[in-house]
Amino acid sequence: MAHSMNFLCILGLLLLIGTVVHGAGECGRSSPDSEAMKLAPCAGAAQDANAAVPGGCCTQIKRFSQNPKCLCAILLSDTAKASGVQPEVALTIPKRCNFANRPVGYKCGQYTLP
């Protein structure tokens, strides 16, 4: 009985730690991969620097540009890569949306936000 109680306590502690660690990610409780799905309107603009940036894309990017760590994690996520996102092009979207208070100079992996 004591062993099963210890096991349950340890299991509960591990679940709690997992929840806390997961909640402390770049994008809070959401994973960068799940947040990347919200940037579907940006697909064309994230692959072609000359493509027009749709208004729906700018709306989503504005939400994330307040948290450059999250935006960076999203643009470098497996979901973004699988979608054909080119990080060096995608990082120009806040500038192409004409956001005055974008995180200029923020380092995102080997890339820098213009």
Protein backbone atom coordinates (compact mmCIF):
# COMPACT_ATOMS: atom_id res chain seq x y z
CA MET A 1 0.00 0.00 0.00
CA ALA A 2 2.81 2.41 0.91
CA HIS A 3 4.57 1.70 -2.39
CA SER A 4 1.47 2.47 -4.43
CA MET A 5 0.97 5.72 -2.48
CA ASN A 6 4.59 6.74 -3.13
CA PHE A 7 4.16 5.87 -6.82
CA LEU A 8 1.02 8.04 -7.04
CA CYS A 9 2.79 10.95 -5.31
CA ILE A 10 5.76 10.71 -7.67
CA LEU A 11 3.47 10.40 -10.70
CA GLY A 12 1.48 13.45 -9.56
CA LEU A 13 4.69 15.44 -9.05
CA LEU A 14 5.95 14.53 -12.53
CA LEU A 15 2.65 15.57 -14.09
CA LEU A 16 2.78 18.87 -12.23
CA ILE A 17 6.36 19.54 -13.31
CA GLY A 18 5.47 18.64 -16.90
CA THR A 19 2.58 21.09 -16.86
CA VAL A 20 4.69 23.89 -15.38
CA VAL A 21 7.56 23.32 -17.81
CA HIS A 22 5.19 23.11 -20.77
CA GLY A 23 3.47 26.33 -19.64
CA ALA A 24 6.79 28.13 -19.58
CA GLY A 25 7.51 27.77 -23.31
CA GLU A 26 8.21 30.56 -25.77
CA CYS A 27 4.49 30.85 -26.54
CA GLY A 28 3.11 30.22 -23.06
CA ARG A 29 0.91 27.15 -22.87
CA SER A 30 0.70 26.72 -26.65
CA SER A 31 3.40 25.03 -28.66
CA PRO A 32 5.05 26.98 -31.49
CA ASP A 33 3.79 24.28 -33.88
CA SER A 34 0.16 24.83 -32.89
CA GLU A 35 0.59 28.62 -33.06
CA ALA A 36 2.15 28.25 -36.53
CA MET A 37 -1.19 26.94 -37.79
CA LYS A 38 -2.70 30.38 -37.05
CA LEU A 39 -0.29 31.92 -39.55
CA ALA A 40 -1.79 30.10 -42.55
CA PRO A 41 -2.73 33.46 -44.17
CA CYS A 42 1.01 34.26 -44.25
CA ALA A 43 2.06 31.20 -46.28
CA GLY A 44 2.70 33.02 -49.56
CA ALA A 45 4.36 36.02 -47.94
CA ALA A 46 6.63 33.73 -45.90
CA GLN A 47 7.93 32.06 -49.06
CA ASP A 48 8.26 35.05 -51.40
CA ALA A 49 9.69 38.40 -50.31
CA ASN A 50 7.89 40.10 -53.22
CA ALA A 51 4.45 38.69 -52.41
CA ALA A 52 1.84 41.01 -50.96
CA VAL A 53 1.17 40.41 -47.26
CA PRO A 54 -2.56 39.79 -46.69
CA GLY A 55 -4.33 41.79 -43.99
CA GLY A 56 -5.22 38.59 -42.13
CA CYS A 57 -1.53 37.76 -41.96
CA CYS A 58 -0.63 41.18 -40.55
CA THR A 59 -3.35 40.79 -37.92
CA GLN A 60 -1.89 37.48 -36.74
CA ILE A 61 1.72 38.67 -36.90
CA LYS A 62 0.84 41.75 -34.85
CA ARG A 63 -0.30 39.46 -32.03
CA PHE A 64 3.01 37.63 -32.06
CA SER A 65 5.32 40.60 -32.64
CA GLN A 66 4.66 41.67 -29.05
CA ASN A 67 6.46 38.45 -28.07
CA PRO A 68 9.46 38.11 -30.41
CA LYS A 69 10.63 34.93 -28.66
CA CYS A 70 7.34 33.25 -29.57
CA LEU A 71 7.33 34.65 -33.11
CA CYS A 72 10.84 33.33 -33.62
CA ALA A 73 9.92 29.88 -32.28
CA ILE A 74 6.89 29.78 -34.60
CA LEU A 75 8.86 30.75 -37.70
CA LEU A 76 11.54 28.15 -36.94
CA SER A 77 9.04 25.42 -35.94
CA ASP A 78 8.73 22.06 -37.67
CA THR A 79 5.26 23.07 -38.87
CA ALA A 80 6.60 26.21 -40.52
CA LYS A 81 9.46 24.31 -42.14
CA ALA A 82 7.08 21.62 -43.42
CA SER A 83 4.90 24.39 -44.91
CA GLY A 84 7.82 25.74 -46.93
CA VAL A 85 8.34 28.85 -44.80
CA GLN A 86 11.69 30.50 -45.48
CA PRO A 87 12.70 32.07 -42.14
CA GLU A 88 14.77 34.84 -43.74
CA VAL A 89 11.69 35.86 -45.78
CA ALA A 90 9.14 35.28 -43.01
CA LEU A 91 11.07 37.53 -40.63
CA THR A 92 10.51 40.45 -43.02
CA ILE A 93 6.72 40.23 -42.64
CA PRO A 94 6.45 42.61 -39.62
CA LYS A 95 8.35 45.23 -41.64
CA ARG A 96 6.25 44.53 -44.74
CA CYS A 97 3.12 45.02 -42.58
CA ASN A 98 4.53 48.48 -41.69
CA PHE A 99 4.58 47.87 -37.93
CA ALA A 100 6.36 50.84 -36.36
CA ASN A 101 7.13 49.10 -33.07
CA ARG A 102 8.35 45.76 -34.40
CA PRO A 103 11.27 44.04 -32.65
CA VAL A 104 14.00 45.36 -35.00
CA GLY A 105 17.35 43.65 -34.52
CA TYR A 106 15.95 40.72 -32.54
CA LYS A 107 18.11 37.63 -33.09
CA CYS A 108 16.10 34.62 -34.22
CA GLY A 109 18.45 31.67 -34.53
CA GLN A 110 20.90 32.67 -37.26
CA TYR A 111 18.52 35.37 -38.53
CA THR A 112 17.88 38.96 -37.41
CA LEU A 113 14.54 40.76 -37.63
CA PRO A 114 14.87 43.71 -40.03
